[in-house]
C-alpha cells in the first residue's frame, strides 16, 4: 500500500518543480511554430493551454485525468502524451533488454570462474575489467566506440536505426558498465558462499565439485543476483537517456530530453510518473522473486 503515497508524492513534487522551472512553455511553443510573439499572443496561448489557472487546480486536473489513463496533450506537437510514451518505452525496453542480456552473458560465467579460481591471473584480469567498466561513464564508452567502429573503420552506422546493426553500439555502451558492476557483486557473493561451512560439509560427503557449485552455491546466490539485476534494470530503464541521445535512438530517454528542451511539460510529467511507477513495480517484483527463492524472508507490503 505504500506504493500509492509514493507515486502521489512523486507526481506532486515533479509537477511543482516543472512549474517552478524557468521559461514559458507558451512562448517556447509559439517561437517553435514561427509565430510572431507578442505579449497578447502569449497570454492568449497560456489561457488556451490552461497555464493561467492556479497551480493546485492544474495539478488536480492533471492527476484526475492521469488516473483515467489520460496524461494530457503534448505542448510540442499536440499529440497524446500516453501514446508518445508507450512508443518510446517499447524502443527503450528493446535497448534495455538486449543490454541486460549481454551484461549477464558476460558477468555470470566470468563471476563463477573468478570465484572458483580466486587469485588467479584470470581473476585479476576480470577484476581490472570490472573496475574499468564500472568507472568509465557509458557516454565516454559510446563516444569511443562511435569513433573507432563508425568513423574510423565504418563498421556500424553512427545513428542507430531499427535494425540489429544499429542497436549494437548502444547495447555495448550500456552493457559494459553494467557487466562491470555485476562481476564485482556476483563474484563477491559467490566467494562468500564458497567460504561457508555448508560447502565444506557437502564436499566432505564426496559430492562432485560441479554439483556443489551449481546445485548449492549458485542457487543460494540467486536471491542476491536477482536483487542486483532488479535494481540495475530500474536504473537502466530511466538512465539510458544519454545513450539514446548520442545514438539518436528513438526511445523514451531521447523523447524526454527533446521534451525538456521544448518545455513540453506534460510529456516530462508523464515520463516522471511512468518511470516512477515502473521503478516501484520492478522493486516489488524483485522482492516477490526473492521471497519465492528464499521462503525464510518475509515480504512486508
Protein backbone atom coordinates (compact mmCIF):
# COMPACT_ATOMS: atom_id res chain seq x y z
CA UNK A 1 0.00 0.00 0.00
CA UNK A 2 2.96 2.34 0.38
CA UNK A 3 3.31 2.45 -3.43
CA UNK A 4 0.29 4.76 -3.81
CA UNK A 5 1.52 7.52 -1.42
CA UNK A 6 4.96 7.34 -3.02
CA UNK A 7 3.51 7.80 -6.51
CA UNK A 8 1.31 10.67 -5.33
CA UNK A 9 4.28 12.41 -3.70
CA UNK A 10 6.40 11.82 -6.82
CA UNK A 11 3.74 13.25 -9.11
CA UNK A 12 3.16 16.31 -6.91
CA UNK A 13 6.78 17.30 -6.43
CA UNK A 14 7.68 16.70 -10.07
CA UNK A 15 4.69 18.83 -11.12
CA UNK A 16 5.82 21.52 -8.68
CA UNK A 17 9.41 21.51 -9.91
CA UNK A 18 8.31 21.73 -13.53
CA UNK A 19 6.03 24.64 -12.66
CA UNK A 20 8.96 26.44 -10.98
CA UNK A 21 11.32 25.81 -13.90
CA UNK A 22 12.41 28.92 -15.85
CA UNK A 23 10.94 29.54 -19.28
CA UNK A 24 7.41 29.90 -20.61
CA UNK A 25 6.02 26.85 -22.45
CA UNK A 26 3.57 29.02 -24.36
CA UNK A 27 6.31 31.35 -25.59
CA UNK A 28 8.54 28.38 -26.49
CA UNK A 29 5.72 26.71 -28.43
CA UNK A 30 4.86 29.83 -30.40
CA UNK A 31 8.51 30.54 -31.20
CA UNK A 32 8.99 26.96 -32.45
CA UNK A 33 5.97 27.39 -34.76
CA UNK A 34 7.40 30.60 -36.20
CA UNK A 35 4.54 32.72 -34.88
CA UNK A 36 5.25 36.37 -34.13
CA UNK A 37 5.48 36.55 -30.36
CA UNK A 38 3.77 39.40 -28.56
CA UNK A 39 2.52 39.72 -25.01
CA UNK A 40 -1.13 39.45 -26.11
CA UNK A 41 -0.49 36.36 -28.22
CA UNK A 42 1.45 34.69 -25.39
CA UNK A 43 -1.31 35.40 -22.87
CA UNK A 44 -3.94 34.01 -25.23
CA UNK A 45 -1.87 30.86 -25.74
CA UNK A 46 -1.35 30.48 -21.99
CA UNK A 47 -5.11 30.61 -21.48
CA UNK A 48 -5.62 28.03 -24.25
CA UNK A 49 -3.02 25.73 -22.64
CA UNK A 50 -4.55 26.19 -19.19
CA UNK A 51 -1.42 27.77 -17.74
CA UNK A 52 -3.35 30.75 -16.36
CA UNK A 53 -5.07 28.61 -13.71
CA UNK A 54 -3.69 28.24 -10.14
CA UNK A 55 -1.10 25.55 -9.54
CA UNK A 56 -3.26 23.27 -7.38
CA UNK A 57 -6.15 23.31 -9.83
CA UNK A 58 -3.83 22.40 -12.69
CA UNK A 59 -2.26 19.60 -10.65
CA UNK A 60 -5.58 18.12 -9.50
CA UNK A 61 -6.98 18.30 -13.03
CA UNK A 62 -3.90 16.53 -14.37
CA UNK A 63 -3.98 13.92 -11.59
CA UNK A 64 -7.65 13.06 -12.17
CA UNK A 65 -7.01 12.68 -15.90
CA UNK A 66 -3.87 10.60 -15.23
CA UNK A 67 -5.86 8.21 -13.04
CA UNK A 68 -8.09 7.61 -16.06
CA UNK A 69 -5.10 6.96 -18.32
CA UNK A 70 -5.03 10.43 -19.88
CA UNK A 71 -1.64 12.12 -19.43
CA UNK A 72 -2.60 15.16 -21.44
CA UNK A 73 -1.61 16.59 -24.79
CA UNK A 74 1.96 17.40 -25.74
CA UNK A 75 2.80 21.10 -25.98
CA UNK A 76 5.31 20.33 -28.70
CA UNK A 77 3.25 18.50 -31.34
CA UNK A 78 -0.28 18.31 -29.85
CA UNK A 79 -0.16 14.50 -29.74
CA UNK A 80 -1.41 12.42 -26.76
CA UNK A 81 1.38 12.09 -24.21
CA UNK A 82 0.42 8.50 -23.31
CA UNK A 83 0.79 7.31 -26.91
CA UNK A 84 4.19 9.01 -27.27
CA UNK A 85 5.44 7.47 -24.02
CA UNK A 86 4.26 3.97 -24.97
CA UNK A 87 6.03 4.19 -28.34
CA UNK A 88 9.25 5.43 -26.73
CA UNK A 89 9.02 2.85 -23.94
CA UNK A 90 8.87 -0.01 -26.44
CA UNK A 91 12.13 1.15 -28.01
CA UNK A 92 13.77 1.65 -24.61
CA UNK A 93 12.65 -1.81 -23.45
CA UNK A 94 14.27 -3.31 -26.54
CA UNK A 95 17.52 -1.48 -25.83
CA UNK A 96 17.46 -2.28 -22.10
CA UNK A 97 16.55 -5.94 -22.67
CA UNK A 98 19.43 -6.62 -25.06
CA UNK A 99 21.85 -4.68 -22.83
CA UNK A 100 20.84 -6.65 -19.74
CA UNK A 101 21.06 -9.95 -21.60
CA UNK A 102 24.56 -9.17 -22.89
CA UNK A 103 25.71 -7.99 -19.44
CA UNK A 104 24.50 -11.25 -17.87
CA UNK A 105 26.09 -13.37 -20.60
CA UNK A 106 29.42 -11.74 -19.74
CA UNK A 107 29.18 -11.35 -15.97
CA UNK A 108 27.69 -14.68 -14.80
CA UNK A 109 30.30 -17.06 -16.28
CA UNK A 110 33.14 -14.64 -15.52
CA UNK A 111 31.98 -14.31 -11.89
CA UNK A 112 31.79 -18.08 -11.45
CA UNK A 113 35.29 -18.59 -12.88
CA UNK A 114 36.68 -15.77 -10.73
CA UNK A 115 35.18 -17.28 -7.58
CA UNK A 116 36.45 -20.79 -8.40
CA UNK A 117 39.90 -19.52 -9.42
CA UNK A 118 40.23 -16.78 -6.84
CA UNK A 119 43.65 -15.11 -7.01
CA UNK A 120 44.49 -16.48 -10.46
CA UNK A 121 45.61 -14.43 -13.46
CA UNK A 122 42.11 -14.67 -14.92
CA UNK A 123 40.65 -13.37 -11.67
CA UNK A 124 42.97 -10.36 -11.66
CA UNK A 125 42.24 -9.55 -15.31
CA UNK A 126 38.49 -9.83 -14.72
CA UNK A 127 38.70 -7.55 -11.68
CA UNK A 128 40.62 -4.95 -13.71
CA UNK A 129 37.94 -5.12 -16.41
CA UNK A 130 35.25 -4.85 -13.77
CA UNK A 131 36.86 -1.81 -12.16
CA UNK A 132 37.43 -0.11 -15.53
CA UNK A 133 33.94 -0.87 -16.81
CA UNK A 134 32.36 0.36 -13.59
CA UNK A 135 34.45 3.54 -13.53
CA UNK A 136 34.21 4.73 -17.13
CA UNK A 137 30.89 6.50 -17.81
CA UNK A 138 28.80 4.97 -20.56
CA UNK A 139 28.72 8.19 -22.61
CA UNK A 140 32.53 8.06 -22.88
CA UNK A 141 32.38 4.40 -23.91
CA UNK A 142 29.78 5.28 -26.54
CA UNK A 143 31.91 8.10 -27.96
CA UNK A 144 35.00 5.85 -28.15
CA UNK A 145 33.02 3.07 -29.84
CA UNK A 146 31.46 5.55 -32.23
CA UNK A 147 34.85 6.94 -33.22
CA UNK A 148 36.53 3.55 -33.66
CA UNK A 149 33.75 1.46 -35.20
CA UNK A 150 31.70 4.10 -37.01
CA UNK A 151 34.10 6.81 -38.12
CA UNK A 152 37.46 5.07 -38.26
CA UNK A 153 36.53 1.59 -39.53
CA UNK A 154 32.96 2.36 -40.76
CA UNK A 155 31.56 -0.94 -39.48
CA UNK A 156 28.35 0.44 -37.98
CA UNK A 157 26.06 3.41 -38.62
CA UNK A 158 26.55 6.47 -36.44
CA UNK A 159 22.80 6.94 -35.97
CA UNK A 160 21.13 3.85 -34.54
CA UNK A 161 18.27 2.52 -36.63
CA UNK A 162 15.66 -0.13 -36.01
CA UNK A 163 17.93 -2.90 -37.30
CA UNK A 164 20.15 -5.08 -35.11
CA UNK A 165 23.20 -3.40 -36.67
CA UNK A 166 22.09 -0.01 -35.38
CA UNK A 167 21.28 -1.49 -31.99
CA UNK A 168 24.76 -3.00 -31.49
CA UNK A 169 26.70 0.07 -30.29
CA UNK A 170 24.06 1.40 -27.85
CA UNK A 171 23.75 -2.08 -26.35
CA UNK A 172 27.52 -2.39 -25.93
CA UNK A 173 27.72 1.09 -24.37
CA UNK A 174 25.13 0.18 -21.73
CA UNK A 175 26.24 -3.42 -21.19
CA UNK A 176 29.93 -2.78 -20.41
CA UNK A 177 29.41 -0.66 -17.23
CA UNK A 178 26.58 -2.95 -16.13
CA UNK A 179 28.71 -6.07 -16.62
CA UNK A 180 31.49 -4.43 -14.60
CA UNK A 181 29.13 -3.88 -11.65
CA UNK A 182 27.66 -7.37 -11.95
CA UNK A 183 31.07 -9.06 -11.95
CA UNK A 184 32.15 -7.31 -8.76
CA UNK A 185 28.94 -8.08 -6.89
CA UNK A 186 28.34 -11.61 -8.21
CA UNK A 187 31.98 -12.58 -7.60
CA UNK A 188 31.88 -11.31 -4.01
CA UNK A 189 28.66 -13.22 -3.30
CA UNK A 190 30.00 -16.44 -4.87
CA UNK A 191 33.20 -16.26 -2.82
CA UNK A 192 31.19 -15.60 0.34
CA UNK A 193 29.05 -18.68 -0.31
CA UNK A 194 32.06 -20.88 -1.12
CA UNK A 195 33.65 -20.00 2.24
CA UNK A 196 30.61 -21.07 4.27
CA UNK A 197 30.56 -24.20 6.43
CA UNK A 198 27.79 -25.94 4.49
CA UNK A 199 30.02 -26.07 1.41
CA UNK A 200 32.76 -27.79 3.44
CA UNK A 201 30.21 -30.29 4.72
CA UNK A 202 28.90 -31.07 1.24
CA UNK A 203 32.40 -31.57 -0.11
CA UNK A 204 33.23 -33.86 2.84
CA UNK A 205 30.36 -36.12 1.80
CA UNK A 206 32.02 -36.63 -1.57
CA UNK A 207 29.66 -34.55 -3.71
CA UNK A 208 31.22 -33.57 -7.03
CA UNK A 209 32.54 -30.03 -7.28
CA UNK A 210 30.28 -29.10 -10.20
CA UNK A 211 27.23 -30.23 -8.26
CA UNK A 212 28.37 -28.22 -5.23
CA UNK A 213 28.94 -25.17 -7.39
CA UNK A 214 25.69 -25.12 -9.37
CA UNK A 215 23.20 -27.05 -7.22
CA UNK A 216 24.09 -25.33 -3.96
CA UNK A 217 26.36 -22.30 -4.21
CA UNK A 218 24.93 -20.74 -7.38
CA UNK A 219 21.38 -21.46 -6.26
CA UNK A 220 21.99 -19.68 -2.94
CA UNK A 221 23.44 -16.71 -4.83
CA UNK A 222 20.35 -16.29 -7.00
CA UNK A 223 18.49 -14.15 -4.48
CA UNK A 224 21.32 -11.64 -4.28
CA UNK A 225 21.74 -11.69 -8.07
CA UNK A 226 18.04 -11.09 -8.69
CA UNK A 227 18.12 -8.10 -6.33
CA UNK A 228 21.12 -6.59 -8.11
CA UNK A 229 19.54 -7.21 -11.52
CA UNK A 230 16.23 -5.68 -10.44
CA UNK A 231 17.89 -2.51 -9.17
CA UNK A 232 20.01 -2.26 -12.31
CA UNK A 233 17.01 -2.80 -14.58
CA UNK A 234 15.09 0.01 -12.90
CA UNK A 235 18.06 2.33 -13.29
CA UNK A 236 18.61 1.18 -16.87
CA UNK A 237 15.05 1.95 -17.94
CA UNK A 238 15.33 5.59 -16.90
CA UNK A 239 19.08 6.02 -17.16
CA UNK A 240 19.66 5.34 -20.85
CA UNK A 241 18.85 8.97 -21.70
CA UNK A 242 22.42 9.92 -22.64
CA UNK A 243 22.99 6.85 -24.82
CA UNK A 244 19.69 7.30 -26.64
CA UNK A 245 20.53 10.95 -27.26
CA UNK A 246 24.03 10.20 -28.55
CA UNK A 247 22.92 7.48 -30.96
CA UNK A 248 19.57 9.14 -31.77
CA UNK A 249 17.73 6.04 -30.61
CA UNK A 250 14.01 6.80 -30.58
CA UNK A 251 13.45 5.65 -27.02
CA UNK A 252 11.78 7.29 -24.07
CA UNK A 253 15.07 8.84 -22.91
CA UNK A 254 15.55 10.78 -26.13
CA UNK A 255 11.86 11.71 -26.05
CA UNK A 256 12.10 13.29 -22.62
CA UNK A 257 15.33 15.16 -23.47
CA UNK A 258 13.67 16.70 -26.54
CA UNK A 259 10.63 17.49 -24.39
CA UNK A 260 12.73 19.26 -21.75
CA UNK A 261 14.37 21.38 -24.44
CA UNK A 262 10.95 22.29 -25.87
CA UNK A 263 9.45 22.95 -22.39
CA UNK A 264 6.92 20.20 -23.12
CA UNK A 265 5.86 19.81 -19.50
CA UNK A 266 3.02 17.26 -19.98
CA UNK A 267 5.42 14.82 -21.65
CA UNK A 268 8.08 15.33 -18.97
CA UNK A 269 5.49 14.91 -16.21
CA UNK A 270 4.16 11.75 -17.84
CA UNK A 271 7.71 10.41 -18.12
CA UNK A 272 8.39 11.02 -14.42
CA UNK A 273 5.17 9.27 -13.41
CA UNK A 274 5.75 6.34 -15.77
CA UNK A 275 9.36 5.80 -14.72
CA UNK A 276 8.48 6.10 -11.04
CA UNK A 277 5.72 3.53 -11.45
CA UNK A 278 7.98 1.15 -13.36
CA UNK A 279 10.78 1.52 -10.83
CA UNK A 280 8.47 0.73 -7.92
CA UNK A 281 6.88 -2.21 -9.76
CA UNK A 282 10.29 -3.64 -10.66
CA UNK A 283 11.29 -3.37 -7.00
CA UNK A 284 8.09 -5.12 -5.93
CA UNK A 285 8.53 -7.95 -8.45
CA UNK A 286 12.17 -8.31 -7.37
CA UNK A 287 11.10 -8.67 -3.73
CA UNK A 288 8.47 -11.26 -4.67
CA UNK A 289 11.02 -13.31 -6.61
CA UNK A 290 13.45 -13.08 -3.69
CA UNK A 291 10.76 -14.36 -1.30
CA UNK A 292 9.99 -17.20 -3.70
CA UNK A 293 13.67 -18.19 -3.85
CA UNK A 294 14.15 -17.87 -0.08
CA UNK A 295 10.95 -18.58 1.92
CA UNK A 296 12.73 -17.55 5.13
CA UNK A 297 12.37 -13.92 4.04
CA UNK A 298 9.05 -12.22 4.84
CA UNK A 299 7.66 -9.60 2.49
CA UNK A 300 6.09 -6.58 4.19
CA UNK A 301 3.82 -4.57 1.93
